[in-house]
PDB file of N, CA and C in Angstrom:
ATOM      1  N   MET A   1      23.743 -70.055 -17.793  1.00  0.00           N
ATOM      2  CA  MET A   1      24.909 -70.690 -18.346  1.00  0.00           C
ATOM      3  C   MET A   1      25.712 -69.700 -19.191  1.00  0.00           C
ATOM      4  N   ALA A   2      26.226 -68.682 -18.570  1.00  0.00           N
ATOM      5  CA  ALA A   2      27.030 -67.697 -19.282  1.00  0.00           C
ATOM      6  C   ALA A   2      28.484 -68.164 -19.350  1.00  0.00           C
ATOM      7  N   LYS A   3      29.124 -67.807 -20.434  1.00  0.00           N
ATOM      8  CA  LYS A   3      30.533 -68.155 -20.612  1.00  0.00           C
ATOM      9  C   LYS A   3      31.391 -67.164 -19.822  1.00  0.00           C
ATOM     10  N   GLY A   4      32.523 -67.641 -19.341  1.00  0.00           N
ATOM     11  CA  GLY A   4      33.436 -66.779 -18.608  1.00  0.00           C
ATOM     12  C   GLY A   4      34.118 -65.780 -19.524  1.00  0.00           C
ATOM     13  N   LYS A   5      34.753 -66.286 -20.593  1.00  0.00           N
ATOM     14  CA  LYS A   5      35.413 -65.423 -21.564  1.00  0.00           C
ATOM     15  C   LYS A   5      34.949 -65.842 -22.951  1.00  0.00           C
ATOM     16  N   ASP A   6      34.474 -64.890 -23.721  1.00  0.00           N
ATOM     17  CA  ASP A   6      34.057 -65.188 -25.080  1.00  0.00           C
ATOM     18  C   ASP A   6      35.288 -65.392 -25.949  1.00  0.00           C
ATOM     19  N   VAL A   7      35.147 -66.269 -26.946  1.00  0.00           N
ATOM     20  CA  VAL A   7      36.258 -66.541 -27.845  1.00  0.00           C
ATOM     21  C   VAL A   7      36.433 -65.383 -28.816  1.00  0.00           C
ATOM     22  N   ARG A   8      35.341 -64.844 -29.345  1.00  0.00           N
ATOM     23  CA  ARG A   8      35.418 -63.730 -30.288  1.00  0.00           C
ATOM     24  C   ARG A   8      35.252 -62.415 -29.532  1.00  0.00           C
ATOM     25  N   VAL A   9      36.186 -61.498 -29.761  1.00  0.00           N
ATOM     26  CA  VAL A   9      36.150 -60.211 -29.088  1.00  0.00           C
ATOM     27  C   VAL A   9      36.134 -59.097 -30.133  1.00  0.00           C
ATOM     28  N   ILE A  10      35.557 -57.971 -29.763  1.00  0.00           N
ATOM     29  CA  ILE A  10      35.509 -56.803 -30.638  1.00  0.00           C
ATOM     30  C   ILE A  10      36.778 -55.993 -30.433  1.00  0.00           C
ATOM     31  N   VAL A  11      37.450 -55.630 -31.556  1.00  0.00           N
ATOM     32  CA  VAL A  11      38.680 -54.837 -31.484  1.00  0.00           C
ATOM     33  C   VAL A  11      38.526 -53.591 -32.352  1.00  0.00           C
ATOM     34  N   ILE A  12      39.277 -52.556 -32.011  1.00  0.00           N
ATOM     35  CA  ILE A  12      39.278 -51.306 -32.770  1.00  0.00           C
ATOM     36  C   ILE A  12      40.627 -51.173 -33.454  1.00  0.00           C
ATOM     37  N   LEU A  13      40.618 -50.933 -34.766  1.00  0.00           N
ATOM     38  CA  LEU A  13      41.835 -50.739 -35.544  1.00  0.00           C
ATOM     39  C   LEU A  13      41.995 -49.258 -35.849  1.00  0.00           C
ATOM     40  N   GLU A  14      43.202 -48.727 -35.623  1.00  0.00           N
ATOM     41  CA  GLU A  14      43.467 -47.303 -35.807  1.00  0.00           C
ATOM     42  C   GLU A  14      44.640 -47.127 -36.769  1.00  0.00           C
ATOM     43  N   CYS A  15      44.550 -46.128 -37.630  1.00  0.00           N
ATOM     44  CA  CYS A  15      45.592 -45.862 -38.625  1.00  0.00           C
ATOM     45  C   CYS A  15      46.890 -45.469 -37.926  1.00  0.00           C
ATOM     46  N   THR A  16      47.961 -46.213 -38.192  1.00  0.00           N
ATOM     47  CA  THR A  16      49.245 -45.914 -37.561  1.00  0.00           C
ATOM     48  C   THR A  16      49.917 -44.710 -38.214  1.00  0.00           C
ATOM     49  N   ASN A  17      49.629 -44.453 -39.475  1.00  0.00           N
ATOM     50  CA  ASN A  17      50.231 -43.320 -40.181  1.00  0.00           C
ATOM     51  C   ASN A  17      49.688 -41.993 -39.636  1.00  0.00           C
ATOM     52  N   CYS A  18      48.409 -41.902 -39.385  1.00  0.00           N
ATOM     53  CA  CYS A  18      47.808 -40.677 -38.842  1.00  0.00           C
ATOM     54  C   CYS A  18      48.320 -40.400 -37.434  1.00  0.00           C
ATOM     55  N   VAL A  19      48.480 -41.441 -36.639  1.00  0.00           N
ATOM     56  CA  VAL A  19      48.940 -41.282 -35.258  1.00  0.00           C
ATOM     57  C   VAL A  19      50.391 -40.815 -35.241  1.00  0.00           C
ATOM     58  N   GLN A  20      51.234 -41.358 -36.126  1.00  0.00           N
ATOM     59  CA  GLN A  20      52.647 -40.982 -36.162  1.00  0.00           C
ATOM     60  C   GLN A  20      52.838 -39.556 -36.638  1.00  0.00           C
ATOM     61  N   ASN A  21      51.969 -39.084 -37.538  1.00  0.00           N
ATOM     62  CA  ASN A  21      52.112 -37.728 -38.062  1.00  0.00           C
ATOM     63  C   ASN A  21      51.575 -36.671 -37.118  1.00  0.00           C
ATOM     64  N   GLY A  22      50.986 -37.063 -36.013  1.00  0.00           N
ATOM     65  CA  GLY A  22      50.555 -36.098 -35.008  1.00  0.00           C
ATOM     66  C   GLY A  22      49.265 -35.393 -35.338  1.00  0.00           C
ATOM     67  N   VAL A  23      48.265 -36.134 -35.806  1.00  0.00           N
ATOM     68  CA  VAL A  23      46.976 -35.523 -36.119  1.00  0.00           C
ATOM     69  C   VAL A  23      46.332 -34.992 -34.853  1.00  0.00           C
ATOM     70  N   ASN A  24      46.505 -35.687 -33.745  1.00  0.00           N
ATOM     71  CA  ASN A  24      45.897 -35.237 -32.489  1.00  0.00           C
ATOM     72  C   ASN A  24      46.490 -33.917 -32.014  1.00  0.00           C
ATOM     73  N   ASN A  25      47.759 -33.670 -32.331  1.00  0.00           N
ATOM     74  CA  ASN A  25      48.424 -32.448 -31.887  1.00  0.00           C
ATOM     75  C   ASN A  25      48.169 -31.269 -32.816  1.00  0.00           C
ATOM     76  N   GLY A  26      47.529 -31.497 -33.955  1.00  0.00           N
ATOM     77  CA  GLY A  26      47.249 -30.427 -34.888  1.00  0.00           C
ATOM     78  C   GLY A  26      48.415 -30.089 -35.797  1.00  0.00           C
ATOM     79  N   VAL A  27      49.395 -30.986 -35.909  1.00  0.00           N
ATOM     80  CA  VAL A  27      50.558 -30.731 -36.755  1.00  0.00           C
ATOM     81  C   VAL A  27      50.168 -30.806 -38.226  1.00  0.00           C
ATOM     82  N   ASN A  28      49.408 -31.844 -38.593  1.00  0.00           N
ATOM     83  CA  ASN A  28      48.991 -32.029 -39.977  1.00  0.00           C
ATOM     84  C   ASN A  28      47.625 -31.382 -40.154  1.00  0.00           C
ATOM     85  N   LYS A  29      47.557 -30.230 -40.780  1.00  0.00           N
ATOM     86  CA  LYS A  29      46.302 -29.494 -40.923  1.00  0.00           C
ATOM     87  C   LYS A  29      45.423 -30.050 -42.039  1.00  0.00           C
ATOM     88  N   GLU A  30      45.992 -30.879 -42.947  1.00  0.00           N
ATOM     89  CA  GLU A  30      45.213 -31.406 -44.062  1.00  0.00           C
ATOM     90  C   GLU A  30      44.178 -32.432 -43.590  1.00  0.00           C
ATOM     91  N   SER A  31      44.560 -33.304 -42.674  1.00  0.00           N
ATOM     92  CA  SER A  31      43.619 -34.310 -42.210  1.00  0.00           C
ATOM     93  C   SER A  31      42.913 -33.815 -40.950  1.00  0.00           C
ATOM     94  N   THR A  32      41.680 -34.246 -40.785  1.00  0.00           N
ATOM     95  CA  THR A  32      40.873 -33.748 -39.679  1.00  0.00           C
ATOM     96  C   THR A  32      40.655 -34.783 -38.589  1.00  0.00           C
ATOM     97  N   GLY A  33      41.162 -36.011 -38.764  1.00  0.00           N
ATOM     98  CA  GLY A  33      40.923 -37.025 -37.757  1.00  0.00           C
ATOM     99  C   GLY A  33      41.780 -38.241 -37.957  1.00  0.00           C
ATOM    100  N   ILE A  34      41.428 -39.310 -37.259  1.00  0.00           N
ATOM    101  CA  ILE A  34      42.137 -40.575 -37.342  1.00  0.00           C
ATOM    102  C   ILE A  34      41.155 -41.630 -37.819  1.00  0.00           C
ATOM    103  N   SER A  35      41.569 -42.386 -38.823  1.00  0.00           N
ATOM    104  CA  SER A  35      40.725 -43.442 -39.371  1.00  0.00           C
ATOM    105  C   SER A  35      40.659 -44.607 -38.394  1.00  0.00           C
ATOM    106  N   ARG A  36      39.449 -45.079 -38.098  1.00  0.00           N
ATOM    107  CA  ARG A  36      39.259 -46.219 -37.198  1.00  0.00           C
ATOM    108  C   ARG A  36      38.266 -47.197 -37.788  1.00  0.00           C
ATOM    109  N   TYR A  37      38.531 -48.472 -37.596  1.00  0.00           N
ATOM    110  CA  TYR A  37      37.646 -49.551 -38.015  1.00  0.00           C
ATOM    111  C   TYR A  37      37.328 -50.412 -36.809  1.00  0.00           C
ATOM    112  N   ILE A  38      36.136 -51.013 -36.794  1.00  0.00           N
ATOM    113  CA  ILE A  38      35.733 -51.940 -35.740  1.00  0.00           C
ATOM    114  C   ILE A  38      35.553 -53.303 -36.382  1.00  0.00           C
ATOM    115  N   THR A  39      36.175 -54.325 -35.780  1.00  0.00           N
ATOM    116  CA  THR A  39      36.084 -55.680 -36.309  1.00  0.00           C
ATOM    117  C   THR A  39      36.129 -56.671 -35.151  1.00  0.00           C
ATOM    118  N   GLN A  40      36.078 -57.954 -35.475  1.00  0.00           N
ATOM    119  CA  GLN A  40      36.153 -58.997 -34.464  1.00  0.00           C
ATOM    120  C   GLN A  40      37.350 -59.887 -34.748  1.00  0.00           C
ATOM    121  N   LYS A  41      37.881 -60.503 -33.682  1.00  0.00           N
ATOM    122  CA  LYS A  41      38.950 -61.473 -33.852  1.00  0.00           C
ATOM    123  C   LYS A  41      38.732 -62.626 -32.890  1.00  0.00           C
ATOM    124  N   ASN A  42      39.289 -63.771 -33.248  1.00  0.00           N
ATOM    125  CA  ASN A  42      39.227 -64.953 -32.410  1.00  0.00           C
ATOM    126  C   ASN A  42      40.396 -64.910 -31.438  1.00  0.00           C
ATOM    127  N   ARG A  43      40.100 -64.896 -30.153  1.00  0.00           N
ATOM    128  CA  ARG A  43      41.124 -64.752 -29.127  1.00  0.00           C
ATOM    129  C   ARG A  43      42.082 -65.941 -29.094  1.00  0.00           C
ATOM    130  N   HIS A  44      41.599 -67.145 -29.406  1.00  0.00           N
ATOM    131  CA  HIS A  44      42.454 -68.331 -29.349  1.00  0.00           C
ATOM    132  C   HIS A  44      43.398 -68.414 -30.551  1.00  0.00           C
ATOM    133  N   ASN A  45      42.929 -68.032 -31.735  1.00  0.00           N
ATOM    134  CA  ASN A  45      43.758 -68.125 -32.936  1.00  0.00           C
ATOM    135  C   ASN A  45      44.759 -66.977 -33.045  1.00  0.00           C
ATOM    136  N   THR A  46      44.396 -65.776 -32.604  1.00  0.00           N
ATOM    137  CA  THR A  46      45.282 -64.613 -32.693  1.00  0.00           C
ATOM    138  C   THR A  46      45.370 -63.926 -31.339  1.00  0.00           C
ATOM    139  N   PRO A  47      46.219 -64.436 -30.446  1.00  0.00           N
ATOM    140  CA  PRO A  47      46.334 -63.814 -29.124  1.00  0.00           C
ATOM    141  C   PRO A  47      47.090 -62.490 -29.147  1.00  0.00           C
ATOM    142  N   SER A  48      47.933 -62.265 -30.160  1.00  0.00           N
ATOM    143  CA  SER A  48      48.688 -61.015 -30.235  1.00  0.00           C
ATOM    144  C   SER A  48      47.836 -59.919 -30.877  1.00  0.00           C
ATOM    145  N   ARG A  49      48.389 -58.717 -30.925  1.00  0.00           N
ATOM    146  CA  ARG A  49      47.660 -57.587 -31.515  1.00  0.00           C
ATOM    147  C   ARG A  49      47.517 -57.768 -33.014  1.00  0.00           C
ATOM    148  N   LEU A  50      46.406 -57.287 -33.546  1.00  0.00           N
ATOM    149  CA  LEU A  50      46.063 -57.455 -34.947  1.00  0.00           C
ATOM    150  C   LEU A  50      46.509 -56.231 -35.740  1.00  0.00           C
ATOM    151  N   ASP A  51      47.134 -56.449 -36.909  1.00  0.00           N
ATOM    152  CA  ASP A  51      47.519 -55.391 -37.830  1.00  0.00           C
ATOM    153  C   ASP A  51      46.987 -55.740 -39.211  1.00  0.00           C
ATOM    154  N   LEU A  52      46.146 -54.864 -39.763  1.00  0.00           N
ATOM    155  CA  LEU A  52      45.570 -55.088 -41.088  1.00  0.00           C
ATOM    156  C   LEU A  52      45.807 -53.877 -41.963  1.00  0.00           C
ATOM    157  N   LYS A  53      45.902 -54.108 -43.267  1.00  0.00           N
ATOM    158  CA  LYS A  53      46.062 -53.014 -44.213  1.00  0.00           C
ATOM    159  C   LYS A  53      44.665 -52.597 -44.670  1.00  0.00           C
ATOM    160  N   LYS A  54      44.262 -51.369 -44.312  1.00  0.00           N
ATOM    161  CA  LYS A  54      42.938 -50.848 -44.624  1.00  0.00           C
ATOM    162  C   LYS A  54      43.076 -49.471 -45.271  1.00  0.00           C
ATOM    163  N   PHE A  55      41.988 -48.974 -45.860  1.00  0.00           N
ATOM    164  CA  PHE A  55      41.997 -47.664 -46.489  1.00  0.00           C
ATOM    165  C   PHE A  55      41.744 -46.584 -45.443  1.00  0.00           C
ATOM    166  N   CYS A  56      42.616 -45.579 -45.417  1.00  0.00           N
ATOM    167  CA  CYS A  56      42.460 -44.438 -44.519  1.00  0.00           C
ATOM    168  C   CYS A  56      41.884 -43.283 -45.328  1.00  0.00           C
ATOM    169  N   ARG A  57      40.735 -42.800 -44.941  1.00  0.00           N
ATOM    170  CA  ARG A  57      40.099 -41.725 -45.700  1.00  0.00           C
ATOM    171  C   ARG A  57      40.755 -40.370 -45.455  1.00  0.00           C
ATOM    172  N   TYR A  58      41.577 -40.246 -44.425  1.00  0.00           N
ATOM    173  CA  TYR A  58      42.272 -38.996 -44.159  1.00  0.00           C
ATOM    174  C   TYR A  58      43.626 -38.942 -44.883  1.00  0.00           C
ATOM    175  N   CYS A  59      44.298 -40.094 -45.003  1.00  0.00           N
ATOM    176  CA  CYS A  59      45.559 -40.163 -45.744  1.00  0.00           C
ATOM    177  C   CYS A  59      45.313 -40.366 -47.240  1.00  0.00           C
ATOM    178  N   HIS A  60      44.132 -40.818 -47.609  1.00  0.00           N
ATOM    179  CA  HIS A  60      43.737 -41.119 -48.985  1.00  0.00           C
ATOM    180  C   HIS A  60      44.589 -42.220 -49.602  1.00  0.00           C
ATOM    181  N   LYS A  61      44.952 -43.236 -48.788  1.00  0.00           N
ATOM    182  CA  LYS A  61      45.697 -44.384 -49.290  1.00  0.00           C
ATOM    183  C   LYS A  61      45.537 -45.547 -48.311  1.00  0.00           C
ATOM    184  N   HIS A  62      45.983 -46.735 -48.741  1.00  0.00           N
ATOM    185  CA  HIS A  62      45.941 -47.910 -47.880  1.00  0.00           C
ATOM    186  C   HIS A  62      47.128 -47.871 -46.937  1.00  0.00           C
ATOM    187  N   THR A  63      46.861 -47.980 -45.644  1.00  0.00           N
ATOM    188  CA  THR A  63      47.897 -47.947 -44.617  1.00  0.00           C
ATOM    189  C   THR A  63      47.672 -49.074 -43.623  1.00  0.00           C
ATOM    190  N   ILE A  64      48.648 -49.301 -42.761  1.00  0.00           N
ATOM    191  CA  ILE A  64      48.533 -50.310 -41.708  1.00  0.00           C
ATOM    192  C   ILE A  64      47.679 -49.755 -40.575  1.00  0.00           C
ATOM    193  N   HIS A  65      46.669 -50.515 -40.203  1.00  0.00           N
ATOM    194  CA  HIS A  65      45.816 -50.160 -39.075  1.00  0.00           C
ATOM    195  C   HIS A  65      46.094 -51.184 -37.966  1.00  0.00           C
ATOM    196  N   GLY A  66      46.480 -50.701 -36.789  1.00  0.00           N
ATOM    197  CA  GLY A  66      46.817 -51.572 -35.679  1.00  0.00           C
ATOM    198  C   GLY A  66      45.741 -51.567 -34.615  1.00  0.00           C
ATOM    199  N   GLU A  67      45.690 -52.646 -33.880  1.00  0.00           N
ATOM    200  CA  GLU A  67      44.708 -52.795 -32.806  1.00  0.00           C
ATOM    201  C   GLU A  67      45.083 -51.882 -31.651  1.00  0.00           C
ATOM    202  N   ILE A  68      44.084 -51.181 -31.101  1.00  0.00           N
ATOM    203  CA  ILE A  68      44.305 -50.310 -29.952  1.00  0.00           C
ATOM    204  C   ILE A  68      43.509 -50.840 -28.771  1.00  0.00           C
ATOM    205  N   LYS A  69      43.862 -50.351 -27.608  1.00  0.00           N
ATOM    206  CA  LYS A  69      43.173 -50.737 -26.385  1.00  0.00           C
ATOM    207  C   LYS A  69      41.888 -49.934 -26.265  1.00  0.00           C
ATOM    208  N   LYS A  70      40.822 -50.552 -25.787  1.00  0.00           N
ATOM    209  CA  LYS A  70      39.544 -49.861 -25.625  1.00  0.00           C
ATOM    210  C   LYS A  70      39.596 -48.891 -24.480  1.00  0.00           C
TER     211      LYS A  70
END
């Protein structure tokens, strides 16, 4: 009796400030990576992408972390 689609899904939140500043391209030499958090959300209550304000250890401040695709 397995469910077809689970209501709660695991999502990954990524710092939007680090991504915009081009950390992957090596433009910002001060930070060494991108802050990511793993959390869960209810698919029925929040069908759109999730945006939360979390602490980024590379920016050293609270920034918006947006849901990314796995």
